Protein backbone atom coordinates (compact mmCIF):
# COMPACT_ATOMS: atom_id res chain seq x y z
CA UNK A 1 13.46 -12.93 21.09
CA UNK A 2 15.94 -15.63 22.60
CA UNK A 3 19.21 -15.77 20.81
CA UNK A 4 20.48 -19.11 19.39
CA UNK A 5 23.95 -19.45 19.85
CA UNK A 6 25.77 -21.61 17.40
CA UNK A 7 27.06 -24.67 19.18
CA UNK A 8 30.95 -25.70 18.07
CA UNK A 9 31.21 -27.59 15.23
CA UNK A 10 31.55 -27.01 11.17
CA UNK A 11 29.28 -26.47 8.36
CA UNK A 12 29.77 -26.93 4.61
CA UNK A 13 27.50 -24.15 2.56
CA UNK A 14 25.99 -24.87 -1.03
CA UNK A 15 28.73 -22.42 -2.42
CA UNK A 16 31.50 -25.06 -1.53
CA UNK A 17 29.70 -28.05 -2.50
CA UNK A 18 31.52 -30.96 -4.97
CA UNK A 19 29.16 -33.19 -6.56
CA UNK A 20 32.25 -35.73 -6.40
CA UNK A 21 33.51 -35.91 -3.15
CA UNK A 22 32.38 -37.58 -0.17
CA UNK A 23 31.99 -33.71 1.34
CA UNK A 24 27.87 -33.17 2.87
CA UNK A 25 26.39 -30.02 1.81
CA UNK A 26 26.00 -29.48 5.51
CA UNK A 27 27.24 -30.33 8.51
CA UNK A 28 27.51 -29.64 11.98
CA UNK A 29 28.81 -31.02 15.04
CA UNK A 30 27.34 -31.31 18.75
CA UNK A 31 28.08 -32.74 21.79
CA UNK A 32 25.80 -35.65 21.10
CA UNK A 33 25.30 -35.43 17.31
CA UNK A 34 26.07 -35.03 13.57
CA UNK A 35 23.60 -32.86 11.81
CA UNK A 36 23.89 -33.31 7.96
CA UNK A 37 22.14 -33.94 4.74
CA UNK A 38 22.67 -37.61 3.83
CA UNK A 39 24.84 -39.39 1.54
CA UNK A 40 23.57 -42.06 -0.69
CA UNK A 41 25.52 -44.38 1.64
CA UNK A 42 23.05 -43.19 4.65
CA UNK A 43 19.84 -44.84 3.05
CA UNK A 44 19.84 -47.97 5.09
CA UNK A 45 20.30 -46.10 7.79
CA UNK A 46 17.35 -43.84 7.01
CA UNK A 47 15.21 -46.50 6.28
CA UNK A 48 16.10 -48.00 9.46
CA UNK A 49 15.19 -44.62 11.64
CA UNK A 50 11.75 -44.74 9.47
CA UNK A 51 10.93 -48.33 9.76
CA UNK A 52 11.97 -48.34 13.47
CA UNK A 53 9.77 -45.28 14.13
CA UNK A 54 6.76 -46.31 11.78
CA UNK A 55 4.35 -47.14 14.63
CA UNK A 56 5.38 -43.71 17.25
CA UNK A 57 5.40 -41.24 14.55
CA UNK A 58 2.16 -41.88 12.79
CA UNK A 59 -0.18 -40.59 14.99
CA UNK A 60 1.58 -37.44 14.22
CA UNK A 61 2.52 -37.38 10.79
CA UNK A 62 0.46 -37.47 7.31
CA UNK A 63 0.04 -40.88 5.79
CA UNK A 64 2.52 -41.90 3.83
CA UNK A 65 2.53 -41.92 -0.09
CA UNK A 66 2.86 -45.37 -1.27
CA UNK A 67 6.69 -47.13 -1.38
CA UNK A 68 7.50 -44.88 2.11
CA UNK A 69 9.17 -47.70 3.33
CA UNK A 70 11.53 -49.10 0.74
CA UNK A 71 14.87 -47.99 0.02
CA UNK A 72 14.35 -46.82 -3.51
CA UNK A 73 11.89 -44.34 -1.81
CA UNK A 74 14.86 -42.81 -0.29
CA UNK A 75 17.35 -43.06 -2.68
CA UNK A 76 15.56 -40.84 -4.73
CA UNK A 77 14.68 -38.85 -1.85
CA UNK A 78 18.30 -38.10 -0.90
CA UNK A 79 19.10 -37.02 -4.52
CA UNK A 80 16.21 -34.45 -4.50
CA UNK A 81 17.91 -32.97 -0.73
CA UNK A 82 20.48 -32.57 -2.54
CA UNK A 83 19.07 -30.32 -5.20
CA UNK A 84 16.90 -28.92 -3.20
CA UNK A 85 19.74 -27.58 -0.72
CA UNK A 86 21.39 -26.19 -3.58
CA UNK A 87 18.74 -24.19 -4.95
CA UNK A 88 17.80 -23.05 -1.53
CA UNK A 89 14.35 -24.78 -1.61
CA UNK A 90 14.00 -27.11 0.95
CA UNK A 91 16.99 -28.49 3.89
CA UNK A 92 15.88 -31.74 5.37
CA UNK A 93 18.71 -32.31 7.76
CA UNK A 94 19.39 -35.89 9.37
CA UNK A 95 20.57 -36.27 12.84
CA UNK A 96 23.09 -38.58 13.62
CA UNK A 97 24.63 -40.56 16.74
CA UNK A 98 28.04 -39.50 17.10
CA UNK A 99 28.79 -42.49 18.67
CA UNK A 100 27.05 -45.03 16.58
CA UNK A 101 26.26 -43.24 13.57
CA UNK A 102 22.83 -44.46 13.62
CA UNK A 103 20.54 -42.01 12.37
CA UNK A 104 18.14 -40.93 15.68
CA UNK A 105 16.39 -38.09 13.74
CA UNK A 106 15.58 -35.53 11.18
CA UNK A 107 14.58 -31.75 10.99
CA UNK A 108 13.02 -30.52 7.48
CA UNK A 109 12.68 -26.44 7.00
CA UNK A 110 10.04 -26.55 4.09
CA UNK A 111 7.63 -24.27 2.16
CA UNK A 112 10.66 -21.28 2.03
CA UNK A 113 8.98 -18.03 0.80
CA UNK A 114 10.49 -14.96 -0.05
CA UNK A 115 9.04 -11.66 -1.36
CA UNK A 116 7.89 -9.91 1.77
CA UNK A 117 7.77 -12.92 4.13
CA UNK A 118 10.88 -14.47 4.07
CA UNK A 119 10.46 -17.73 6.05
CA UNK A 120 10.17 -21.48 6.50
CA UNK A 121 8.37 -23.83 8.22
CA UNK A 122 10.22 -26.37 10.67
CA UNK A 123 9.01 -29.98 11.52
CA UNK A 124 11.34 -32.73 13.00
CA UNK A 125 11.36 -35.85 14.50
CA UNK A 126 13.12 -37.97 16.82
CA UNK A 127 13.63 -41.43 18.11
CA UNK A 128 11.32 -42.89 19.76
CA UNK A 129 14.06 -44.79 22.41
CA UNK A 130 15.87 -40.80 22.57
CA UNK A 131 13.31 -38.22 23.83
CA UNK A 132 13.78 -36.60 27.27
CA UNK A 133 17.28 -36.51 26.46
CA UNK A 134 17.44 -32.97 24.69
CA UNK A 135 19.06 -34.40 21.88
CA UNK A 136 16.37 -32.68 20.10
CA UNK A 137 17.19 -29.09 21.50
CA UNK A 138 20.54 -29.39 21.04
CA UNK A 139 21.05 -30.57 17.17
CA UNK A 140 18.17 -27.27 16.00
CA UNK A 141 19.82 -25.02 18.67
CA UNK A 142 22.78 -25.24 16.36
CA UNK A 143 21.41 -26.02 12.82
CA UNK A 144 18.33 -22.98 13.27
CA UNK A 145 21.13 -20.28 13.34
CA UNK A 146 22.77 -21.54 10.14
CA UNK A 147 19.08 -21.27 8.61
CA UNK A 148 18.91 -18.05 9.16
CA UNK A 149 22.34 -16.73 8.02
CA UNK A 150 22.91 -19.65 4.61
CA UNK A 151 19.11 -18.40 3.62
CA UNK A 152 18.27 -15.27 5.42
CA UNK A 153 15.16 -15.88 6.44
CA UNK A 154 13.72 -13.39 8.46
CA UNK A 155 11.29 -16.08 10.28
CA UNK A 156 10.97 -19.97 10.77
CA UNK A 157 7.66 -21.07 11.65
CA UNK A 158 6.75 -24.42 13.50
CA UNK A 159 2.87 -25.62 14.37
CA UNK A 160 2.13 -28.49 17.23
CA UNK A 161 -0.98 -30.70 17.69
CA UNK A 162 -1.83 -29.15 21.43
CA UNK A 163 -1.85 -32.81 22.31
CA UNK A 164 1.91 -33.00 21.67
CA UNK A 165 3.46 -31.63 24.87
CA UNK A 166 6.61 -33.19 24.25
CA UNK A 167 7.26 -30.86 20.81
CA UNK A 168 5.68 -27.31 22.73
CA UNK A 169 8.34 -27.62 25.03
CA UNK A 170 11.59 -28.31 22.79
CA UNK A 171 9.81 -25.35 21.05
CA UNK A 172 9.65 -23.32 23.78
CA UNK A 173 13.16 -23.99 24.84
CA UNK A 174 14.50 -22.71 21.43
CA UNK A 175 12.59 -19.52 22.07
CA UNK A 176 9.81 -20.02 19.57
CA UNK A 177 6.57 -18.44 21.00
CA UNK A 178 3.23 -18.70 20.62
CA UNK A 179 0.96 -16.91 18.04
CA UNK A 180 -2.71 -18.62 18.39
CA UNK A 181 -4.06 -22.00 17.86
CA UNK A 182 -5.70 -23.34 14.05
CA UNK A 183 -8.40 -25.35 14.08
CA UNK A 184 -8.14 -28.49 11.57
CA UNK A 185 -5.01 -26.88 9.88
CA UNK A 186 -3.31 -30.16 9.16
CA UNK A 187 -4.85 -33.43 8.28
CA UNK A 188 -2.68 -35.73 10.19
CA UNK A 189 -3.07 -39.72 9.96
CA UNK A 190 -6.22 -39.22 8.25
CA UNK A 191 -7.59 -36.57 10.58
CA UNK A 192 -8.06 -32.75 10.37
CA UNK A 193 -6.38 -32.16 13.34
CA UNK A 194 -5.81 -28.59 15.66
CA UNK A 195 -2.33 -26.88 15.93
CA UNK A 196 -0.70 -24.38 18.08
CA UNK A 197 1.21 -22.03 16.22
CA UNK A 198 4.69 -20.69 17.10
CA UNK A 199 7.17 -18.82 15.44
CA UNK A 200 11.05 -18.00 15.77
CA UNK A 201 12.15 -14.52 14.60
CA UNK A 202 15.87 -13.85 13.40
CA UNK A 203 17.87 -11.82 16.33
CA UNK A 204 19.71 -10.52 13.51
CA UNK A 205 17.20 -9.85 11.58
CA UNK A 206 14.88 -7.86 13.50
């Protein structure tokens, strides 16, 4: 199992977060990105990312709820992200370009399950114009070790449609192993789609 090195950077754990400060709940820097929980002042940048990539991401994602492409929707989402992070329910990490400070991607660590499983699901997206540069691999190589460390998880599961070769390559570079294929696994853009099932085991918990 490939170990994922933590790239040079810094993080702020939930236990040290002051809700009255401007310090993000979670913060990591890589050579080209900043990975963190969104702050209220980021709402316009988040919405711009979603709108700019609307057509590009539609074939790969579930149908969006009403109001998804509005500022009020994302203001509420950012509030929930803070609560979910503090309570260990879900991490939504936005990926910012270090130079421009624009949102260029997002990674979701959701469906966190405890008891005998100790696992979560990973989903992610990257700006259409930034593909093929290794940015998602770079960002997730920094974030995943922190997910394992802070949430004390044993495995992260990630699934992608067989046609999404780019996503498969990212997961392969990160050390995810293919475990099989599930028929009509998720309803994507209104259609039930097969998915390749992959997972990454915490190298410090084997």
